[in-house]
PDB file of N, CA and C in Angstrom:
ATOM      1  N   MET A   1       0.806 -25.878   7.998  1.00  0.00           N
ATOM      2  CA  MET A   1      -1.400 -25.590   7.719  1.00  0.00           C
ATOM      3  C   MET A   1      -0.305 -25.255   6.634  1.00  0.00           C
ATOM      4  N   SER A   2      -1.539 -26.403   5.627  1.00  0.00           N
ATOM      5  CA  SER A   2      -1.045 -26.609   4.285  1.00  0.00           C
ATOM      6  C   SER A   2      -1.657 -25.211   3.379  1.00  0.00           C
ATOM      7  N   SER A   3      -1.049 -25.162   2.330  1.00  0.00           N
ATOM      8  CA  SER A   3      -1.206 -23.516   0.659  1.00  0.00           C
ATOM      9  C   SER A   3      -2.470 -23.596   1.372  1.00  0.00           C
ATOM     10  N   GLY A   4      -3.136 -24.998   0.915  1.00  0.00           N
ATOM     11  CA  GLY A   4      -4.495 -24.604   0.770  1.00  0.00           C
ATOM     12  C   GLY A   4      -5.350 -23.746   1.777  1.00  0.00           C
ATOM     13  N   LEU A   5      -5.809 -24.610   2.684  1.00  0.00           N
ATOM     14  CA  LEU A   5      -6.120 -23.855   3.924  1.00  0.00           C
ATOM     15  C   LEU A   5      -5.780 -22.655   4.289  1.00  0.00           C
ATOM     16  N   VAL A   6      -4.762 -22.059   3.570  1.00  0.00           N
ATOM     17  CA  VAL A   6      -3.682 -20.515   3.862  1.00  0.00           C
ATOM     18  C   VAL A   6      -4.737 -19.679   2.976  1.00  0.00           C
ATOM     19  N   ALA A   7      -4.613 -20.503   1.459  1.00  0.00           N
ATOM     20  CA  ALA A   7      -5.864 -19.649   0.959  1.00  0.00           C
ATOM     21  C   ALA A   7      -6.989 -19.516   0.716  1.00  0.00           C
ATOM     22  N   HIS A   8      -7.937 -20.140   1.588  1.00  0.00           N
ATOM     23  CA  HIS A   8      -8.938 -20.499   2.036  1.00  0.00           C
ATOM     24  C   HIS A   8      -9.422 -20.008   2.870  1.00  0.00           C
ATOM     25  N   GLN A   9      -8.466 -20.025   4.744  1.00  0.00           N
ATOM     26  CA  GLN A   9      -8.573 -18.937   5.315  1.00  0.00           C
ATOM     27  C   GLN A   9      -8.748 -17.248   4.637  1.00  0.00           C
ATOM     28  N   ILE A  10      -7.472 -16.244   4.145  1.00  0.00           N
ATOM     29  CA  ILE A  10      -7.227 -15.401   3.320  1.00  0.00           C
ATOM     30  C   ILE A  10      -8.296 -15.024   2.785  1.00  0.00           C
ATOM     31  N   ALA A  11      -9.197 -15.709   2.024  1.00  0.00           N
ATOM     32  CA  ALA A  11     -10.384 -15.992   1.374  1.00  0.00           C
ATOM     33  C   ALA A  11     -11.459 -15.542   1.531  1.00  0.00           C
ATOM     34  N   VAL A  12     -11.829 -16.233   2.485  1.00  0.00           N
ATOM     35  CA  VAL A  12     -12.591 -16.214   3.435  1.00  0.00           C
ATOM     36  C   VAL A  12     -12.912 -14.744   4.594  1.00  0.00           C
ATOM     37  N   SER A  13     -11.367 -14.249   4.957  1.00  0.00           N
ATOM     38  CA  SER A  13     -11.395 -13.149   5.410  1.00  0.00           C
ATOM     39  C   SER A  13     -11.311 -11.459   4.902  1.00  0.00           C
ATOM     40  N   VAL A  14     -10.454 -12.198   3.517  1.00  0.00           N
ATOM     41  CA  VAL A  14     -10.364 -10.432   2.817  1.00  0.00           C
ATOM     42  C   VAL A  14     -11.277 -10.537   2.083  1.00  0.00           C
ATOM     43  N   SER A  15     -12.366  -9.744   1.568  1.00  0.00           N
ATOM     44  CA  SER A  15     -12.833  -9.303   0.824  1.00  0.00           C
ATOM     45  C   SER A  15     -12.564  -8.063  -0.586  1.00  0.00           C
ATOM     46  N   PRO A  16     -13.298  -8.781  -1.830  1.00  0.00           N
ATOM     47  CA  PRO A  16     -12.484  -8.333  -2.403  1.00  0.00           C
ATOM     48  C   PRO A  16     -11.187  -6.447  -2.212  1.00  0.00           C
ATOM     49  N   ALA A  17     -12.735  -5.932  -2.418  1.00  0.00           N
ATOM     50  CA  ALA A  17     -12.244  -4.604  -2.513  1.00  0.00           C
ATOM     51  C   ALA A  17     -10.917  -4.626  -1.898  1.00  0.00           C
ATOM     52  N   ALA A  18     -11.214  -5.010  -0.276  1.00  0.00           N
ATOM     53  CA  ALA A  18      -9.593  -4.926   0.423  1.00  0.00           C
ATOM     54  C   ALA A  18      -8.101  -5.308  -0.242  1.00  0.00           C
ATOM     55  N   ALA A  19      -8.684  -6.186  -0.487  1.00  0.00           N
ATOM     56  CA  ALA A  19      -7.921  -7.281  -1.916  1.00  0.00           C
ATOM     57  C   ALA A  19      -6.585  -5.632  -2.335  1.00  0.00           C
ATOM     58  N   TYR A  20      -7.981  -5.179  -3.940  1.00  0.00           N
ATOM     59  CA  TYR A  20      -7.557  -4.317  -4.414  1.00  0.00           C
ATOM     60  C   TYR A  20      -7.363  -3.271  -4.038  1.00  0.00           C
ATOM     61  N   SER A  21      -7.507  -2.696  -2.662  1.00  0.00           N
ATOM     62  CA  SER A  21      -7.091  -1.057  -2.157  1.00  0.00           C
ATOM     63  C   SER A  21      -5.382  -2.046  -1.280  1.00  0.00           C
ATOM     64  N   PHE A  22      -5.281  -3.483  -1.291  1.00  0.00           N
ATOM     65  CA  PHE A  22      -4.333  -3.749  -0.374  1.00  0.00           C
ATOM     66  C   PHE A  22      -3.047  -3.530  -1.652  1.00  0.00           C
ATOM     67  N   CYS A  23      -3.421  -4.217  -2.417  1.00  0.00           N
ATOM     68  CA  CYS A  23      -2.498  -4.184  -4.127  1.00  0.00           C
ATOM     69  C   CYS A  23      -1.967  -2.533  -4.553  1.00  0.00           C
ATOM     70  N   LEU A  24      -3.305  -1.635  -4.752  1.00  0.00           N
ATOM     71  CA  LEU A  24      -2.750  -0.419  -4.644  1.00  0.00           C
ATOM     72  C   LEU A  24      -1.923   0.447  -4.253  1.00  0.00           C
ATOM     73  N   PHE A  25      -2.260   0.230  -2.616  1.00  0.00           N
ATOM     74  CA  PHE A  25      -1.150   0.734  -1.720  1.00  0.00           C
ATOM     75  C   PHE A  25       0.534   0.275  -1.946  1.00  0.00           C
ATOM     76  N   CYS A  26       0.093  -1.405  -2.563  1.00  0.00           N
ATOM     77  CA  CYS A  26       1.822  -1.649  -2.570  1.00  0.00           C
ATOM     78  C   CYS A  26       1.945  -1.135  -3.810  1.00  0.00           C
ATOM     79  N   LEU A  27       1.245  -0.673  -4.573  1.00  0.00           N
ATOM     80  CA  LEU A  27       1.775  -0.291  -6.073  1.00  0.00           C
ATOM     81  C   LEU A  27       2.849   1.033  -5.619  1.00  0.00           C
ATOM     82  N   LEU A  28       2.097   1.751  -4.837  1.00  0.00           N
ATOM     83  CA  LEU A  28       2.147   3.134  -4.053  1.00  0.00           C
ATOM     84  C   LEU A  28       3.240   3.364  -3.805  1.00  0.00           C
ATOM     85  N   TYR A  29       2.986   2.437  -3.228  1.00  0.00           N
ATOM     86  CA  TYR A  29       4.421   3.175  -1.569  1.00  0.00           C
ATOM     87  C   TYR A  29       5.812   2.820  -1.886  1.00  0.00           C
ATOM     88  N   THR A  30       6.766   3.214  -1.445  1.00  0.00           N
ATOM     89  CA  THR A  30       7.556   3.434  -1.550  1.00  0.00           C
ATOM     90  C   THR A  30       9.032   1.781  -1.269  1.00  0.00           C
ATOM     91  N   PRO A  31       9.317   1.317  -2.486  1.00  0.00           N
ATOM     92  CA  PRO A  31       9.493   0.420  -2.273  1.00  0.00           C
ATOM     93  C   PRO A  31      10.323  -0.850  -1.969  1.00  0.00           C
ATOM     94  N   CYS A  32      12.144   0.572  -1.666  1.00  0.00           N
ATOM     95  CA  CYS A  32      12.416  -0.592  -0.499  1.00  0.00           C
ATOM     96  C   CYS A  32      13.685   0.789  -0.098  1.00  0.00           C
ATOM     97  N   LEU A  33      14.443  -0.140   0.846  1.00  0.00           N
ATOM     98  CA  LEU A  33      14.903   0.883   1.429  1.00  0.00           C
ATOM     99  C   LEU A  33      15.970   1.444   0.582  1.00  0.00           C
ATOM    100  N   THR A  34      16.450   0.270  -0.483  1.00  0.00           N
ATOM    101  CA  THR A  34      17.423   1.246  -1.706  1.00  0.00           C
ATOM    102  C   THR A  34      17.298   2.300  -2.146  1.00  0.00           C
ATOM    103  N   THR A  35      15.955   2.872  -2.129  1.00  0.00           N
ATOM    104  CA  THR A  35      15.114   3.433  -2.770  1.00  0.00           C
ATOM    105  C   THR A  35      14.749   4.400  -2.191  1.00  0.00           C
ATOM    106  N   VAL A  36      15.229   5.178  -0.833  1.00  0.00           N
ATOM    107  CA  VAL A  36      15.164   5.841   0.786  1.00  0.00           C
ATOM    108  C   VAL A  36      16.553   6.781   0.552  1.00  0.00           C
ATOM    109  N   ALA A  37      17.582   4.617   0.647  1.00  0.00           N
ATOM    110  CA  ALA A  37      18.647   5.721   0.149  1.00  0.00           C
ATOM    111  C   ALA A  37      19.460   6.020  -0.787  1.00  0.00           C
ATOM    112  N   THR A  38      18.908   6.131  -1.780  1.00  0.00           N
ATOM    113  CA  THR A  38      18.979   6.711  -2.969  1.00  0.00           C
ATOM    114  C   THR A  38      18.537   8.035  -2.746  1.00  0.00           C
ATOM    115  N   VAL A  39      17.853   8.395  -1.914  1.00  0.00           N
ATOM    116  CA  VAL A  39      16.689  10.168  -2.566  1.00  0.00           C
ATOM    117  C   VAL A  39      18.032   9.909  -1.570  1.00  0.00           C
ATOM    118  N   LYS A  40      17.681   9.963  -0.447  1.00  0.00           N
ATOM    119  CA  LYS A  40      19.238  10.542   0.419  1.00  0.00           C
ATOM    120  C   LYS A  40      20.334  11.491  -0.328  1.00  0.00           C
ATOM    121  N   ALA A  41      21.003  10.373  -0.775  1.00  0.00           N
ATOM    122  CA  ALA A  41      22.059  10.378  -0.939  1.00  0.00           C
ATOM    123  C   ALA A  41      22.393  11.790  -2.166  1.00  0.00           C
ATOM    124  N   GLU A  42      21.649  11.457  -3.832  1.00  0.00           N
ATOM    125  CA  GLU A  42      20.895  12.094  -4.257  1.00  0.00           C
ATOM    126  C   GLU A  42      20.848  13.705  -3.758  1.00  0.00           C
ATOM    127  N   SER A  43      20.018  13.103  -2.604  1.00  0.00           N
ATOM    128  CA  SER A  43      19.702  15.115  -2.852  1.00  0.00           C
ATOM    129  C   SER A  43      20.403  15.080  -0.989  1.00  0.00           C
ATOM    130  N   ARG A  44      21.542  15.564  -0.885  1.00  0.00           N
ATOM    131  CA  ARG A  44      21.679  15.133   0.477  1.00  0.00           C
ATOM    132  C   ARG A  44      21.058  16.058   1.705  1.00  0.00           C
ATOM    133  N   SER A  45      20.332  15.278   1.287  1.00  0.00           N
ATOM    134  CA  SER A  45      19.390  15.955   2.687  1.00  0.00           C
ATOM    135  C   SER A  45      18.518  14.700   4.071  1.00  0.00           C
ATOM    136  N   TRP A  46      18.563  14.820   4.516  1.00  0.00           N
ATOM    137  CA  TRP A  46      17.894  13.912   6.054  1.00  0.00           C
ATOM    138  C   TRP A  46      15.953  15.115   5.208  1.00  0.00           C
ATOM    139  N   GLY A  47      15.349  16.035   5.262  1.00  0.00           N
ATOM    140  CA  GLY A  47      14.850  16.739   5.224  1.00  0.00           C
ATOM    141  C   GLY A  47      13.765  16.086   4.306  1.00  0.00           C
ATOM    142  N   PHE A  48      14.533  16.335   2.858  1.00  0.00           N
ATOM    143  CA  PHE A  48      14.106  15.803   1.620  1.00  0.00           C
ATOM    144  C   PHE A  48      13.265  14.698   1.719  1.00  0.00           C
ATOM    145  N   MET A  49      14.461  13.347   2.075  1.00  0.00           N
ATOM    146  CA  MET A  49      14.490  12.230   1.926  1.00  0.00           C
ATOM    147  C   MET A  49      13.066  11.740   3.177  1.00  0.00           C
ATOM    148  N   THR A  50      13.042  12.112   4.361  1.00  0.00           N
ATOM    149  CA  THR A  50      11.383  12.492   5.599  1.00  0.00           C
ATOM    150  C   THR A  50      10.518  13.298   4.535  1.00  0.00           C
ATOM    151  N   PHE A  51      10.654  14.026   3.899  1.00  0.00           N
ATOM    152  CA  PHE A  51       9.214  13.997   3.090  1.00  0.00           C
ATOM    153  C   PHE A  51       9.148  12.982   1.887  1.00  0.00           C
ATOM    154  N   SER A  52       9.903  13.398   1.214  1.00  0.00           N
ATOM    155  CA  SER A  52       9.583  11.893   0.327  1.00  0.00           C
ATOM    156  C   SER A  52       9.080  10.442   0.398  1.00  0.00           C
ATOM    157  N   LEU A  53       9.359   9.995   2.242  1.00  0.00           N
ATOM    158  CA  LEU A  53       9.171   8.959   2.404  1.00  0.00           C
ATOM    159  C   LEU A  53       7.796   8.874   2.906  1.00  0.00           C
ATOM    160  N   VAL A  54       7.134  10.054   3.916  1.00  0.00           N
ATOM    161  CA  VAL A  54       6.308  10.467   4.309  1.00  0.00           C
ATOM    162  C   VAL A  54       5.100  10.681   3.016  1.00  0.00           C
ATOM    163  N   PHE A  55       5.199  12.081   2.838  1.00  0.00           N
ATOM    164  CA  PHE A  55       4.457  11.436   0.692  1.00  0.00           C
ATOM    165  C   PHE A  55       4.515  10.548   0.403  1.00  0.00           C
ATOM    166  N   SER A  56       5.100   9.733  -0.017  1.00  0.00           N
ATOM    167  CA  SER A  56       5.022   8.467  -0.922  1.00  0.00           C
ATOM    168  C   SER A  56       3.653   7.363   0.309  1.00  0.00           C
ATOM    169  N   LEU A  57       4.643   7.276   1.555  1.00  0.00           N
ATOM    170  CA  LEU A  57       2.776   5.987   2.012  1.00  0.00           C
ATOM    171  C   LEU A  57       1.636   7.146   2.302  1.00  0.00           C
ATOM    172  N   LEU A  58       1.927   7.982   2.233  1.00  0.00           N
ATOM    173  CA  LEU A  58       0.286   9.252   2.482  1.00  0.00           C
ATOM    174  C   LEU A  58      -0.214   9.520   1.085  1.00  0.00           C
ATOM    175  N   TYR A  59       0.382   8.732   0.619  1.00  0.00           N
ATOM    176  CA  TYR A  59      -0.293   8.968  -1.157  1.00  0.00           C
ATOM    177  C   TYR A  59      -0.881   7.710  -0.749  1.00  0.00           C
ATOM    178  N   ALA A  60       0.062   7.017  -0.373  1.00  0.00           N
ATOM    179  CA  ALA A  60      -0.420   5.403  -0.976  1.00  0.00           C
ATOM    180  C   ALA A  60      -1.661   5.160  -0.647  1.00  0.00           C
ATOM    181  N   TRP A  61      -1.868   5.130   1.268  1.00  0.00           N
ATOM    182  CA  TRP A  61      -3.183   5.163   2.000  1.00  0.00           C
ATOM    183  C   TRP A  61      -4.217   5.964   1.433  1.00  0.00           C
ATOM    184  N   VAL A  62      -4.156   8.118   1.083  1.00  0.00           N
ATOM    185  CA  VAL A  62      -5.151   7.449   1.274  1.00  0.00           C
ATOM    186  C   VAL A  62      -5.736   7.277  -0.070  1.00  0.00           C
ATOM    187  N   ILE A  63      -4.923   7.771  -0.971  1.00  0.00           N
ATOM    188  CA  ILE A  63      -5.357   6.624  -2.844  1.00  0.00           C
ATOM    189  C   ILE A  63      -6.448   5.143  -2.191  1.00  0.00           C
ATOM    190  N   ALA A  64      -5.607   4.024  -1.358  1.00  0.00           N
ATOM    191  CA  ALA A  64      -6.013   2.937  -1.156  1.00  0.00           C
ATOM    192  C   ALA A  64      -7.792   3.071  -0.437  1.00  0.00           C
ATOM    193  N   PHE A  65      -7.534   3.960   0.894  1.00  0.00           N
ATOM    194  CA  PHE A  65      -8.221   4.276   0.681  1.00  0.00           C
ATOM    195  C   PHE A  65     -10.118   5.016   0.260  1.00  0.00           C
ATOM    196  N   LEU A  66      -9.457   5.802  -0.290  1.00  0.00           N
ATOM    197  CA  LEU A  66     -10.397   6.186  -1.115  1.00  0.00           C
ATOM    198  C   LEU A  66     -10.558   5.490  -2.514  1.00  0.00           C
ATOM    199  N   PHE A  67     -10.243   4.288  -2.630  1.00  0.00           N
ATOM    200  CA  PHE A  67     -10.995   3.161  -3.098  1.00  0.00           C
ATOM    201  C   PHE A  67     -11.346   1.687  -2.252  1.00  0.00           C
ATOM    202  N   ASN A  68     -11.221   2.011  -1.918  1.00  0.00           N
ATOM    203  CA  ASN A  68     -11.969   1.240  -1.238  1.00  0.00           C
ATOM    204  C   ASN A  68     -13.403   1.773  -0.757  1.00  0.00           C
ATOM    205  N   GLN A  69     -12.997   2.987   0.611  1.00  0.00           N
ATOM    206  CA  GLN A  69     -14.199   3.601   0.580  1.00  0.00           C
ATOM    207  C   GLN A  69     -15.545   3.563  -1.170  1.00  0.00           C
ATOM    208  N   GLY A  70     -15.235   3.882  -2.247  1.00  0.00           N
ATOM    209  CA  GLY A  70     -16.167   3.721  -2.876  1.00  0.00           C
ATOM    210  C   GLY A  70     -16.320   2.435  -3.739  1.00  0.00           C
ATOM    211  N   ALA A  71     -15.203   1.429  -3.269  1.00  0.00           N
ATOM    212  CA  ALA A  71     -15.474   0.334  -3.503  1.00  0.00           C
ATOM    213  C   ALA A  71     -16.753  -0.346  -3.001  1.00  0.00           C
ATOM    214  N   LEU A  72     -17.019   0.362  -1.566  1.00  0.00           N
ATOM    215  CA  LEU A  72     -17.925   0.070  -1.133  1.00  0.00           C
ATOM    216  C   LEU A  72     -19.210   0.846  -0.490  1.00  0.00           C
ATOM    217  N   LEU A  73     -19.228   2.144  -0.841  1.00  0.00           N
ATOM    218  CA  LEU A  73     -20.069   2.555  -1.010  1.00  0.00           C
ATOM    219  C   LEU A  73     -20.969   2.476  -2.640  1.00  0.00           C
ATOM    220  N   LEU A  74     -20.493   1.551  -3.097  1.00  0.00           N
ATOM    221  CA  LEU A  74     -20.857   1.154  -4.273  1.00  0.00           C
ATOM    222  C   LEU A  74     -21.754   0.068  -4.416  1.00  0.00           C
ATOM    223  N   GLY A  75     -21.614  -0.829  -3.977  1.00  0.00           N
ATOM    224  CA  GLY A  75     -21.637  -2.129  -2.867  1.00  0.00           C
ATOM    225  C   GLY A  75     -21.073  -2.861  -3.609  1.00  0.00           C
ATOM    226  N   PHE A  76     -20.152  -2.797  -3.877  1.00  0.00           N
ATOM    227  CA  PHE A  76     -18.977  -4.014  -3.672  1.00  0.00           C
ATOM    228  C   PHE A  76     -18.721  -4.669  -2.372  1.00  0.00           C
ATOM    229  N   ASP A  77     -18.640  -6.583  -2.014  1.00  0.00           N
ATOM    230  CA  ASP A  77     -18.012  -6.781  -0.594  1.00  0.00           C
ATOM    231  C   ASP A  77     -16.781  -7.011  -0.782  1.00  0.00           C
TER     232      ASP A  77
END
């Protein structure tokens, strides 16, 4: 597949609201395994590391979900 065809397929199947929601999620979730390992090393706690990971993923999902639903309610497609 050429990159033009892939870009066209993505543009056809993903709405702007969904694309912005995905961008918000990627900006807010835990960025990499190194961050998780650093939190574990600094806190010396598996529980806090797990809480930090779950909280950041949940927070990112909720913000992206609210943005997407708000955009859809306002008529952005």
